[in-house]
Amino acid sequence: MNYHKNPSVVYTELEKGAILLDLDTKYYYNLNETGVRIWQLIDDAKDASEVAEKLSREFEVDSMKALASVQRLLEDLEKNRLIVRQSG
């Protein structure tokens, strides 16, 4: 399963993170620096494990911890309709 960003979401990078704003619902979501990197990797990754693998290498963290963090954020973003899961 891969994820796609909701086209009605505007991304604004800040000094130490970013804000996602859903223009349809006016809901906003704060991302920390790791969340920003996950958001950036969503476009090029096939699934959560691929995002976690890249994160693990970049931040030199345990791959299982990276996967847990990625899955947690993706689930939250999906629940808030900031991303959409697509199969295939």
N, C-alpha and C. Protein backbone atom coordinates (compact mmCIF):
# COMPACT_ATOMS: atom_id res chain seq x y z
N MET A 1 0.84 -1.18 0.00
CA MET A 1 0.00 0.00 0.00
C MET A 1 0.89 1.24 0.00
N ASN A 2 0.50 2.18 -0.81
CA ASN A 2 1.23 3.44 -0.78
C ASN A 2 0.27 4.58 -0.45
N TYR A 3 0.85 5.70 -0.13
CA TYR A 3 0.08 6.85 0.30
C TYR A 3 0.28 7.99 -0.69
N HIS A 4 -0.76 8.80 -0.80
CA HIS A 4 -0.69 10.01 -1.61
C HIS A 4 -1.18 11.17 -0.77
N LYS A 5 -0.56 12.29 -0.96
CA LYS A 5 -0.96 13.48 -0.21
C LYS A 5 -2.30 13.98 -0.73
N ASN A 6 -3.14 14.40 0.19
CA ASN A 6 -4.42 14.99 -0.17
C ASN A 6 -4.13 16.29 -0.91
N PRO A 7 -4.66 16.47 -2.13
CA PRO A 7 -4.35 17.68 -2.90
C PRO A 7 -4.86 18.98 -2.27
N SER A 8 -5.79 18.89 -1.33
CA SER A 8 -6.29 20.11 -0.69
C SER A 8 -5.45 20.51 0.52
N VAL A 9 -4.34 19.80 0.76
CA VAL A 9 -3.47 20.10 1.89
C VAL A 9 -2.31 20.98 1.43
N VAL A 10 -2.12 22.07 2.17
CA VAL A 10 -1.02 23.00 1.91
C VAL A 10 0.07 22.73 2.95
N TYR A 11 1.30 22.64 2.48
CA TYR A 11 2.46 22.36 3.33
C TYR A 11 3.28 23.63 3.46
N THR A 12 3.55 24.05 4.70
CA THR A 12 4.39 25.23 4.94
C THR A 12 5.50 24.85 5.89
N GLU A 13 6.72 24.95 5.40
CA GLU A 13 7.87 24.59 6.23
C GLU A 13 8.22 25.75 7.15
N LEU A 14 8.54 25.40 8.39
CA LEU A 14 8.95 26.36 9.40
C LEU A 14 10.41 26.11 9.76
N GLU A 15 10.93 26.88 10.72
CA GLU A 15 12.34 26.73 11.10
C GLU A 15 12.64 25.33 11.63
N LYS A 16 11.77 24.79 12.48
CA LYS A 16 12.01 23.45 13.05
C LYS A 16 10.78 22.58 12.90
N GLY A 17 10.32 22.42 11.68
CA GLY A 17 9.15 21.60 11.43
C GLY A 17 8.34 22.15 10.29
N ALA A 18 7.03 21.87 10.33
CA ALA A 18 6.14 22.33 9.27
C ALA A 18 4.70 22.28 9.76
N ILE A 19 3.84 22.93 8.99
CA ILE A 19 2.40 22.92 9.25
C ILE A 19 1.72 22.37 8.00
N LEU A 20 0.77 21.48 8.19
CA LEU A 20 -0.09 21.02 7.12
C LEU A 20 -1.45 21.65 7.36
N LEU A 21 -2.03 22.23 6.33
CA LEU A 21 -3.35 22.84 6.44
C LEU A 21 -4.25 22.25 5.37
N ASP A 22 -5.35 21.64 5.80
CA ASP A 22 -6.36 21.12 4.88
C ASP A 22 -7.30 22.27 4.55
N LEU A 23 -7.26 22.73 3.32
CA LEU A 23 -8.07 23.88 2.92
C LEU A 23 -9.56 23.58 2.92
N ASP A 24 -9.93 22.30 2.81
CA ASP A 24 -11.35 21.92 2.82
C ASP A 24 -11.94 22.00 4.22
N THR A 25 -11.19 21.51 5.21
CA THR A 25 -11.71 21.42 6.58
C THR A 25 -11.16 22.51 7.49
N LYS A 26 -10.13 23.23 7.05
CA LYS A 26 -9.42 24.24 7.85
C LYS A 26 -8.66 23.62 9.03
N TYR A 27 -8.49 22.30 8.99
CA TYR A 27 -7.74 21.57 10.02
C TYR A 27 -6.25 21.76 9.75
N TYR A 28 -5.48 22.03 10.81
CA TYR A 28 -4.04 22.10 10.63
C TYR A 28 -3.33 21.11 11.54
N TYR A 29 -2.15 20.70 11.11
CA TYR A 29 -1.40 19.64 11.77
C TYR A 29 0.06 20.07 11.82
N ASN A 30 0.67 19.99 12.98
CA ASN A 30 2.09 20.33 13.14
C ASN A 30 2.97 19.10 12.92
N LEU A 31 4.05 19.29 12.20
CA LEU A 31 5.05 18.24 12.01
C LEU A 31 6.37 18.68 12.63
N ASN A 32 7.04 17.75 13.33
CA ASN A 32 8.40 18.04 13.80
C ASN A 32 9.37 17.74 12.65
N GLU A 33 10.64 17.84 12.90
CA GLU A 33 11.63 17.66 11.83
C GLU A 33 11.56 16.26 11.21
N THR A 34 11.36 15.25 12.03
CA THR A 34 11.24 13.88 11.52
C THR A 34 9.96 13.74 10.70
N GLY A 35 8.88 14.33 11.18
CA GLY A 35 7.62 14.31 10.45
C GLY A 35 7.74 14.98 9.09
N VAL A 36 8.51 16.07 9.04
CA VAL A 36 8.76 16.76 7.77
C VAL A 36 9.43 15.80 6.79
N ARG A 37 10.43 15.08 7.27
CA ARG A 37 11.15 14.16 6.37
C ARG A 37 10.23 13.03 5.90
N ILE A 38 9.40 12.53 6.79
CA ILE A 38 8.43 11.49 6.40
C ILE A 38 7.49 12.05 5.33
N TRP A 39 7.00 13.26 5.53
CA TRP A 39 6.11 13.91 4.56
C TRP A 39 6.80 14.02 3.19
N GLN A 40 8.07 14.39 3.20
CA GLN A 40 8.83 14.52 1.96
C GLN A 40 9.02 13.18 1.26
N LEU A 41 9.20 12.12 2.05
CA LEU A 41 9.46 10.80 1.48
C LEU A 41 8.22 10.09 0.96
N ILE A 42 7.04 10.54 1.37
CA ILE A 42 5.80 9.89 0.94
C ILE A 42 5.69 9.83 -0.58
N ASP A 43 6.12 10.88 -1.26
CA ASP A 43 5.99 10.95 -2.71
C ASP A 43 6.75 9.85 -3.45
N ASP A 44 7.91 9.49 -2.94
CA ASP A 44 8.77 8.57 -3.66
C ASP A 44 8.78 7.14 -3.12
N ALA A 45 8.08 6.91 -2.03
CA ALA A 45 8.12 5.58 -1.40
C ALA A 45 6.93 4.73 -1.82
N LYS A 46 7.16 3.44 -1.89
CA LYS A 46 6.09 2.50 -2.22
C LYS A 46 5.21 2.21 -1.01
N ASP A 47 5.82 2.23 0.19
CA ASP A 47 5.06 1.91 1.40
C ASP A 47 5.79 2.41 2.64
N ALA A 48 5.18 2.17 3.80
CA ALA A 48 5.73 2.65 5.06
C ALA A 48 7.12 2.08 5.33
N SER A 49 7.34 0.82 4.98
CA SER A 49 8.64 0.21 5.26
C SER A 49 9.76 0.86 4.44
N GLU A 50 9.45 1.30 3.24
CA GLU A 50 10.46 1.98 2.43
C GLU A 50 10.78 3.36 3.02
N VAL A 51 9.77 4.07 3.50
CA VAL A 51 10.00 5.35 4.17
C VAL A 51 10.87 5.12 5.41
N ALA A 52 10.53 4.11 6.19
CA ALA A 52 11.27 3.81 7.42
C ALA A 52 12.71 3.44 7.13
N GLU A 53 12.92 2.69 6.07
CA GLU A 53 14.28 2.29 5.69
C GLU A 53 15.13 3.52 5.39
N LYS A 54 14.58 4.46 4.63
CA LYS A 54 15.31 5.68 4.31
C LYS A 54 15.55 6.52 5.56
N LEU A 55 14.55 6.61 6.41
CA LEU A 55 14.68 7.36 7.66
C LEU A 55 15.74 6.76 8.56
N SER A 56 15.75 5.45 8.64
CA SER A 56 16.71 4.73 9.47
C SER A 56 18.14 5.05 9.05
N ARG A 57 18.36 5.08 7.74
CA ARG A 57 19.70 5.40 7.23
C ARG A 57 20.06 6.86 7.48
N GLU A 58 19.12 7.77 7.20
CA GLU A 58 19.40 9.20 7.32
C GLU A 58 19.62 9.65 8.76
N PHE A 59 18.81 9.13 9.68
CA PHE A 59 18.88 9.57 11.07
C PHE A 59 19.65 8.59 11.96
N GLU A 60 20.16 7.51 11.36
CA GLU A 60 20.93 6.50 12.09
C GLU A 60 20.18 6.00 13.31
N VAL A 61 18.94 5.55 13.09
CA VAL A 61 18.12 4.98 14.15
C VAL A 61 17.79 3.53 13.80
N ASP A 62 17.40 2.79 14.81
CA ASP A 62 17.01 1.40 14.63
C ASP A 62 15.85 1.31 13.63
N SER A 63 15.93 0.37 12.72
CA SER A 63 14.91 0.26 11.66
C SER A 63 13.53 -0.05 12.21
N MET A 64 13.43 -0.83 13.29
CA MET A 64 12.13 -1.14 13.87
C MET A 64 11.51 0.09 14.55
N LYS A 65 12.36 0.90 15.19
CA LYS A 65 11.86 2.14 15.80
C LYS A 65 11.41 3.12 14.71
N ALA A 66 12.17 3.17 13.62
CA ALA A 66 11.81 4.05 12.51
C ALA A 66 10.48 3.61 11.91
N LEU A 67 10.30 2.31 11.72
CA LEU A 67 9.05 1.79 11.15
C LEU A 67 7.87 2.11 12.06
N ALA A 68 8.03 1.94 13.35
CA ALA A 68 6.95 2.24 14.29
C ALA A 68 6.57 3.72 14.22
N SER A 69 7.57 4.59 14.15
CA SER A 69 7.31 6.03 14.06
C SER A 69 6.61 6.39 12.75
N VAL A 70 7.07 5.81 11.66
CA VAL A 70 6.47 6.08 10.36
C VAL A 70 5.02 5.61 10.34
N GLN A 71 4.78 4.40 10.80
CA GLN A 71 3.42 3.86 10.80
C GLN A 71 2.49 4.71 11.66
N ARG A 72 2.97 5.13 12.81
CA ARG A 72 2.16 5.94 13.72
C ARG A 72 1.78 7.27 13.05
N LEU A 73 2.75 7.93 12.42
CA LEU A 73 2.46 9.21 11.78
C LEU A 73 1.54 9.02 10.57
N LEU A 74 1.81 8.01 9.75
CA LEU A 74 0.96 7.78 8.58
C LEU A 74 -0.48 7.47 8.98
N GLU A 75 -0.66 6.70 10.03
CA GLU A 75 -2.01 6.40 10.51
C GLU A 75 -2.72 7.67 10.96
N ASP A 76 -1.99 8.54 11.66
CA ASP A 76 -2.57 9.78 12.13
C ASP A 76 -2.90 10.71 10.96
N LEU A 77 -2.00 10.81 10.01
CA LEU A 77 -2.25 11.65 8.83
C LEU A 77 -3.44 11.13 8.04
N GLU A 78 -3.54 9.80 7.92
CA GLU A 78 -4.66 9.21 7.19
C GLU A 78 -5.97 9.45 7.93
N LYS A 79 -5.96 9.28 9.25
CA LYS A 79 -7.16 9.49 10.06
C LYS A 79 -7.68 10.92 9.90
N ASN A 80 -6.76 11.86 9.75
CA ASN A 80 -7.12 13.28 9.59
C ASN A 80 -7.25 13.69 8.12
N ARG A 81 -7.23 12.71 7.24
CA ARG A 81 -7.44 12.90 5.79
C ARG A 81 -6.41 13.81 5.14
N LEU A 82 -5.21 13.82 5.68
CA LEU A 82 -4.14 14.60 5.10
C LEU A 82 -3.41 13.80 4.04
N ILE A 83 -3.50 12.48 4.14
CA ILE A 83 -3.00 11.57 3.12
C ILE A 83 -4.08 10.52 2.86
N VAL A 84 -3.95 9.86 1.70
CA VAL A 84 -4.91 8.84 1.31
C VAL A 84 -4.14 7.58 0.95
N ARG A 85 -4.59 6.45 1.48
CA ARG A 85 -3.93 5.17 1.19
C ARG A 85 -4.53 4.60 -0.10
N GLN A 86 -3.63 4.11 -0.97
CA GLN A 86 -4.08 3.50 -2.21
C GLN A 86 -3.37 2.17 -2.40
N SER A 87 -4.11 1.17 -2.79
CA SER A 87 -3.50 -0.14 -3.01
C SER A 87 -3.03 -0.23 -4.45
N GLY A 88 -2.01 -1.08 -4.61
CA GLY A 88 -1.52 -1.33 -5.95
C GLY A 88 -0.53 -0.40 -6.35
